């Protein structure tokens, strides 16, 4: 690389749970710079999860973290040109990229659900992810299947 790497910005923890991962999630959830609205949507979603959960010993925040870890992919395919052909090569994913992919997928598929409010959609996606079902978990499974199907090309790794 020509230029030096940019410094990682330190995120402030969220006001309710004092957790940086929550702030990272809310920053991805936010639209048009409306962070307070995004926090309200997230906290309302966790309240809905608290009401609907069957597992009594886990808090809503723990269920959200478990759902997020169920959505995290471990390998992905990357394109690499070798000779004249382009191969899809399975590669392990860095820890911070795993988290960001899981966050983005969970928010994307929550937005595509058809409940009334965004907090209900997000709560539905969190509950589905905890049970290892739902669109975000399906996306992870598809990414893993693609990597598994292309493992014959893993010797081209760079």
C-alpha atoms as a PDB file:
ATOM      1  CA  UNK A   1       0.000   0.000   0.000  1.00  0.00           C
ATOM      2  CA  UNK A   2       1.229   3.485  -0.799  1.00  0.00           C
ATOM      3  CA  UNK A   3      -0.288   5.310   2.125  1.00  0.00           C
ATOM      4  CA  UNK A   4      -0.146   4.462   5.793  1.00  0.00           C
ATOM      5  CA  UNK A   5      -3.129   2.725   7.381  1.00  0.00           C
ATOM      6  CA  UNK A   6      -5.773   4.962   8.879  1.00  0.00           C
ATOM      7  CA  UNK A   7      -6.182   4.900  12.638  1.00  0.00           C
ATOM      8  CA  UNK A   8      -9.124   2.995  14.093  1.00  0.00           C
ATOM      9  CA  UNK A   9     -11.566   5.403  15.701  1.00  0.00           C
ATOM     10  CA  UNK A  10     -12.602   4.541  19.229  1.00  0.00           C
ATOM     11  CA  UNK A  11     -16.377   4.225  19.608  1.00  0.00           C
ATOM     12  CA  UNK A  12     -18.071   5.508  22.720  1.00  0.00           C
ATOM     13  CA  UNK A  13     -20.114   2.832  24.517  1.00  0.00           C
ATOM     14  CA  UNK A  14     -23.888   3.209  24.392  1.00  0.00           C
ATOM     15  CA  UNK A  15     -25.659   4.959  27.301  1.00  0.00           C
ATOM     16  CA  UNK A  16     -27.917   2.077  28.424  1.00  0.00           C
ATOM     17  CA  UNK A  17     -25.730  -1.052  28.325  1.00  0.00           C
ATOM     18  CA  UNK A  18     -22.266   0.600  28.230  1.00  0.00           C
ATOM     19  CA  UNK A  19     -21.284  -1.627  25.281  1.00  0.00           C
ATOM     20  CA  UNK A  20     -19.270  -0.584  22.211  1.00  0.00           C
ATOM     21  CA  UNK A  21     -20.778  -3.340  20.033  1.00  0.00           C
ATOM     22  CA  UNK A  22     -24.242  -1.839  20.584  1.00  0.00           C
ATOM     23  CA  UNK A  23     -22.946   1.555  19.378  1.00  0.00           C
ATOM     24  CA  UNK A  24     -21.423  -0.111  16.313  1.00  0.00           C
ATOM     25  CA  UNK A  25     -24.735  -1.800  15.543  1.00  0.00           C
ATOM     26  CA  UNK A  26     -26.708   1.437  16.038  1.00  0.00           C
ATOM     27  CA  UNK A  27     -24.288   3.344  13.778  1.00  0.00           C
ATOM     28  CA  UNK A  28     -25.070   0.846  10.998  1.00  0.00           C
ATOM     29  CA  UNK A  29     -28.791   1.016  11.754  1.00  0.00           C
ATOM     30  CA  UNK A  30     -28.837   4.832  11.627  1.00  0.00           C
ATOM     31  CA  UNK A  31     -30.252   6.619   8.580  1.00  0.00           C
ATOM     32  CA  UNK A  32     -29.617  10.288   7.682  1.00  0.00           C
ATOM     33  CA  UNK A  33     -27.569  10.939  10.843  1.00  0.00           C
ATOM     34  CA  UNK A  34     -30.533  10.282  13.171  1.00  0.00           C
ATOM     35  CA  UNK A  35     -28.649   8.462  15.898  1.00  0.00           C
ATOM     36  CA  UNK A  36     -31.206   9.054  18.677  1.00  0.00           C
ATOM     37  CA  UNK A  37     -33.914   7.527  16.450  1.00  0.00           C
ATOM     38  CA  UNK A  38     -31.640   4.538  15.758  1.00  0.00           C
ATOM     39  CA  UNK A  39     -30.996   4.061  19.501  1.00  0.00           C
ATOM     40  CA  UNK A  40     -34.757   4.198  20.151  1.00  0.00           C
ATOM     41  CA  UNK A  41     -35.407   1.574  17.439  1.00  0.00           C
ATOM     42  CA  UNK A  42     -32.695  -0.704  18.874  1.00  0.00           C
ATOM     43  CA  UNK A  43     -33.794  -0.373  22.502  1.00  0.00           C
ATOM     44  CA  UNK A  44     -37.466  -0.909  21.520  1.00  0.00           C
ATOM     45  CA  UNK A  45     -36.419  -4.030  19.596  1.00  0.00           C
ATOM     46  CA  UNK A  46     -34.629  -5.363  22.684  1.00  0.00           C
ATOM     47  CA  UNK A  47     -37.758  -4.655  24.766  1.00  0.00           C
ATOM     48  CA  UNK A  48     -39.822  -6.697  22.276  1.00  0.00           C
ATOM     49  CA  UNK A  49     -37.224  -9.517  22.446  1.00  0.00           C
ATOM     50  CA  UNK A  50     -37.477  -9.370  26.268  1.00  0.00           C
ATOM     51  CA  UNK A  51     -41.259  -9.883  26.037  1.00  0.00           C
ATOM     52  CA  UNK A  52     -41.224 -12.659  23.414  1.00  0.00           C
ATOM     53  CA  UNK A  53     -38.258 -14.737  24.607  1.00  0.00           C
ATOM     54  CA  UNK A  54     -38.765 -18.265  25.889  1.00  0.00           C
ATOM     55  CA  UNK A  55     -35.343 -18.629  27.541  1.00  0.00           C
ATOM     56  CA  UNK A  56     -35.685 -17.009  30.971  1.00  0.00           C
ATOM     57  CA  UNK A  57     -32.062 -16.951  32.158  1.00  0.00           C
ATOM     58  CA  UNK A  58     -30.778 -14.867  29.217  1.00  0.00           C
ATOM     59  CA  UNK A  59     -31.253 -11.115  28.936  1.00  0.00           C
ATOM     60  CA  UNK A  60     -32.328  -9.500  25.657  1.00  0.00           C
ATOM     61  CA  UNK A  61     -28.803  -8.119  25.130  1.00  0.00           C
ATOM     62  CA  UNK A  62     -27.297 -11.616  25.533  1.00  0.00           C
ATOM     63  CA  UNK A  63     -29.863 -12.984  23.069  1.00  0.00           C
ATOM     64  CA  UNK A  64     -28.937 -10.230  20.587  1.00  0.00           C
ATOM     65  CA  UNK A  65     -25.233 -11.085  20.936  1.00  0.00           C
ATOM     66  CA  UNK A  66     -25.983 -14.792  20.488  1.00  0.00           C
ATOM     67  CA  UNK A  67     -28.065 -14.028  17.391  1.00  0.00           C
ATOM     68  CA  UNK A  68     -25.250 -11.872  16.012  1.00  0.00           C
ATOM     69  CA  UNK A  69     -22.726 -14.676  16.556  1.00  0.00           C
ATOM     70  CA  UNK A  70     -25.091 -17.103  14.773  1.00  0.00           C
ATOM     71  CA  UNK A  71     -25.101 -14.782  11.743  1.00  0.00           C
ATOM     72  CA  UNK A  72     -21.291 -14.307  11.642  1.00  0.00           C
ATOM     73  CA  UNK A  73     -19.632 -16.076   8.697  1.00  0.00           C
ATOM     74  CA  UNK A  74     -16.263 -17.811   9.144  1.00  0.00           C
ATOM     75  CA  UNK A  75     -15.149 -18.116   5.496  1.00  0.00           C
ATOM     76  CA  UNK A  76     -15.970 -16.210   2.336  1.00  0.00           C
ATOM     77  CA  UNK A  77     -15.025 -16.444  -1.316  1.00  0.00           C
ATOM     78  CA  UNK A  78     -12.798 -13.851  -2.930  1.00  0.00           C
ATOM     79  CA  UNK A  79     -12.188 -13.451  -6.667  1.00  0.00           C
ATOM     80  CA  UNK A  80      -8.657 -14.008  -7.925  1.00  0.00           C
ATOM     81  CA  UNK A  81      -7.441 -13.948 -11.497  1.00  0.00           C
ATOM     82  CA  UNK A  82      -5.059 -16.782 -12.335  1.00  0.00           C
ATOM     83  CA  UNK A  83      -3.945 -16.843 -15.945  1.00  0.00           C
ATOM     84  CA  UNK A  84      -7.020 -15.937 -17.965  1.00  0.00           C
ATOM     85  CA  UNK A  85      -9.581 -17.328 -15.561  1.00  0.00           C
ATOM     86  CA  UNK A  86     -11.192 -15.842 -12.456  1.00  0.00           C
ATOM     87  CA  UNK A  87     -11.497 -18.219  -9.508  1.00  0.00           C
ATOM     88  CA  UNK A  88     -13.610 -17.894  -6.377  1.00  0.00           C
ATOM     89  CA  UNK A  89     -11.162 -18.707  -3.593  1.00  0.00           C
ATOM     90  CA  UNK A  90     -12.382 -19.470  -0.043  1.00  0.00           C
ATOM     91  CA  UNK A  91     -10.616 -17.321   2.562  1.00  0.00           C
ATOM     92  CA  UNK A  92     -10.964 -17.077   6.350  1.00  0.00           C
ATOM     93  CA  UNK A  93     -12.440 -13.768   7.546  1.00  0.00           C
ATOM     94  CA  UNK A  94     -10.842 -11.351  10.037  1.00  0.00           C
ATOM     95  CA  UNK A  95     -12.688 -10.961  13.366  1.00  0.00           C
ATOM     96  CA  UNK A  96     -13.758  -7.335  12.835  1.00  0.00           C
ATOM     97  CA  UNK A  97     -15.013  -8.109   9.304  1.00  0.00           C
ATOM     98  CA  UNK A  98     -17.055 -11.046  10.669  1.00  0.00           C
ATOM     99  CA  UNK A  99     -18.801  -8.688  13.076  1.00  0.00           C
ATOM    100  CA  UNK A 100     -19.430  -5.991  10.467  1.00  0.00           C
ATOM    101  CA  UNK A 101     -20.822  -8.509   7.952  1.00  0.00           C
ATOM    102  CA  UNK A 102     -23.142  -9.990  10.600  1.00  0.00           C
ATOM    103  CA  UNK A 103     -24.373  -6.519  11.621  1.00  0.00           C
ATOM    104  CA  UNK A 104     -25.001  -5.458   8.019  1.00  0.00           C
ATOM    105  CA  UNK A 105     -26.828  -8.679   7.134  1.00  0.00           C
ATOM    106  CA  UNK A 106     -29.004  -8.573  10.248  1.00  0.00           C
ATOM    107  CA  UNK A 107     -30.047  -4.959   9.544  1.00  0.00           C
ATOM    108  CA  UNK A 108     -30.549  -5.572   5.803  1.00  0.00           C
ATOM    109  CA  UNK A 109     -32.818  -8.575   6.306  1.00  0.00           C
ATOM    110  CA  UNK A 110     -34.643  -6.901   9.194  1.00  0.00           C
ATOM    111  CA  UNK A 111     -35.499  -4.011   6.824  1.00  0.00           C
ATOM    112  CA  UNK A 112     -36.855  -6.516   4.273  1.00  0.00           C
ATOM    113  CA  UNK A 113     -39.241  -8.135   6.776  1.00  0.00           C
ATOM    114  CA  UNK A 114     -42.888  -7.102   6.720  1.00  0.00           C
ATOM    115  CA  UNK A 115     -43.778  -6.260  10.307  1.00  0.00           C
ATOM    116  CA  UNK A 116     -45.166  -2.790  11.012  1.00  0.00           C
ATOM    117  CA  UNK A 117     -42.285  -0.924  12.675  1.00  0.00           C
ATOM    118  CA  UNK A 118     -38.521  -1.252  12.304  1.00  0.00           C
ATOM    119  CA  UNK A 119     -38.148  -2.227  15.967  1.00  0.00           C
ATOM    120  CA  UNK A 120     -40.593  -5.129  15.446  1.00  0.00           C
ATOM    121  CA  UNK A 121     -38.705  -6.210  12.311  1.00  0.00           C
ATOM    122  CA  UNK A 122     -35.360  -6.062  14.115  1.00  0.00           C
ATOM    123  CA  UNK A 123     -36.755  -7.980  17.089  1.00  0.00           C
ATOM    124  CA  UNK A 124     -38.126 -10.635  14.724  1.00  0.00           C
ATOM    125  CA  UNK A 125     -34.761 -10.979  13.002  1.00  0.00           C
ATOM    126  CA  UNK A 126     -32.943 -11.226  16.369  1.00  0.00           C
ATOM    127  CA  UNK A 127     -35.322 -13.954  17.601  1.00  0.00           C
ATOM    128  CA  UNK A 128     -34.978 -15.824  14.285  1.00  0.00           C
ATOM    129  CA  UNK A 129     -31.160 -15.570  14.448  1.00  0.00           C
ATOM    130  CA  UNK A 130     -31.127 -16.975  17.997  1.00  0.00           C
ATOM    131  CA  UNK A 131     -33.114 -20.004  16.758  1.00  0.00           C
ATOM    132  CA  UNK A 132     -30.691 -20.266  13.783  1.00  0.00           C
ATOM    133  CA  UNK A 133     -33.375 -19.499  11.205  1.00  0.00           C
ATOM    134  CA  UNK A 134     -34.296 -16.385   9.278  1.00  0.00           C
ATOM    135  CA  UNK A 135     -32.823 -14.652   6.231  1.00  0.00           C
ATOM    136  CA  UNK A 136     -29.569 -13.435   7.853  1.00  0.00           C
ATOM    137  CA  UNK A 137     -28.636 -16.964   8.990  1.00  0.00           C
ATOM    138  CA  UNK A 138     -29.581 -18.280   5.531  1.00  0.00           C
ATOM    139  CA  UNK A 139     -27.165 -15.755   4.008  1.00  0.00           C
ATOM    140  CA  UNK A 140     -24.370 -17.069   6.259  1.00  0.00           C
ATOM    141  CA  UNK A 141     -25.189 -20.650   5.266  1.00  0.00           C
ATOM    142  CA  UNK A 142     -25.138 -19.674   1.567  1.00  0.00           C
ATOM    143  CA  UNK A 143     -21.728 -17.985   1.953  1.00  0.00           C
ATOM    144  CA  UNK A 144     -20.373 -21.110   3.680  1.00  0.00           C
ATOM    145  CA  UNK A 145     -21.831 -23.364   0.948  1.00  0.00           C
ATOM    146  CA  UNK A 146     -20.189 -21.209  -1.735  1.00  0.00           C
ATOM    147  CA  UNK A 147     -16.833 -21.476   0.065  1.00  0.00           C
ATOM    148  CA  UNK A 148     -17.260 -25.228   0.474  1.00  0.00           C
ATOM    149  CA  UNK A 149     -18.128 -25.650  -3.209  1.00  0.00           C
ATOM    150  CA  UNK A 150     -14.970 -23.762  -4.207  1.00  0.00           C
ATOM    151  CA  UNK A 151     -12.528 -25.350  -1.762  1.00  0.00           C
ATOM    152  CA  UNK A 152     -10.821 -27.100  -4.695  1.00  0.00           C
ATOM    153  CA  UNK A 153      -9.348 -23.686  -5.600  1.00  0.00           C
ATOM    154  CA  UNK A 154      -8.025 -22.962  -2.103  1.00  0.00           C
ATOM    155  CA  UNK A 155      -4.441 -23.712  -3.247  1.00  0.00           C
ATOM    156  CA  UNK A 156      -4.573 -20.395  -5.202  1.00  0.00           C
ATOM    157  CA  UNK A 157      -4.739 -18.482  -1.903  1.00  0.00           C
ATOM    158  CA  UNK A 158      -2.796 -15.206  -1.849  1.00  0.00           C
END
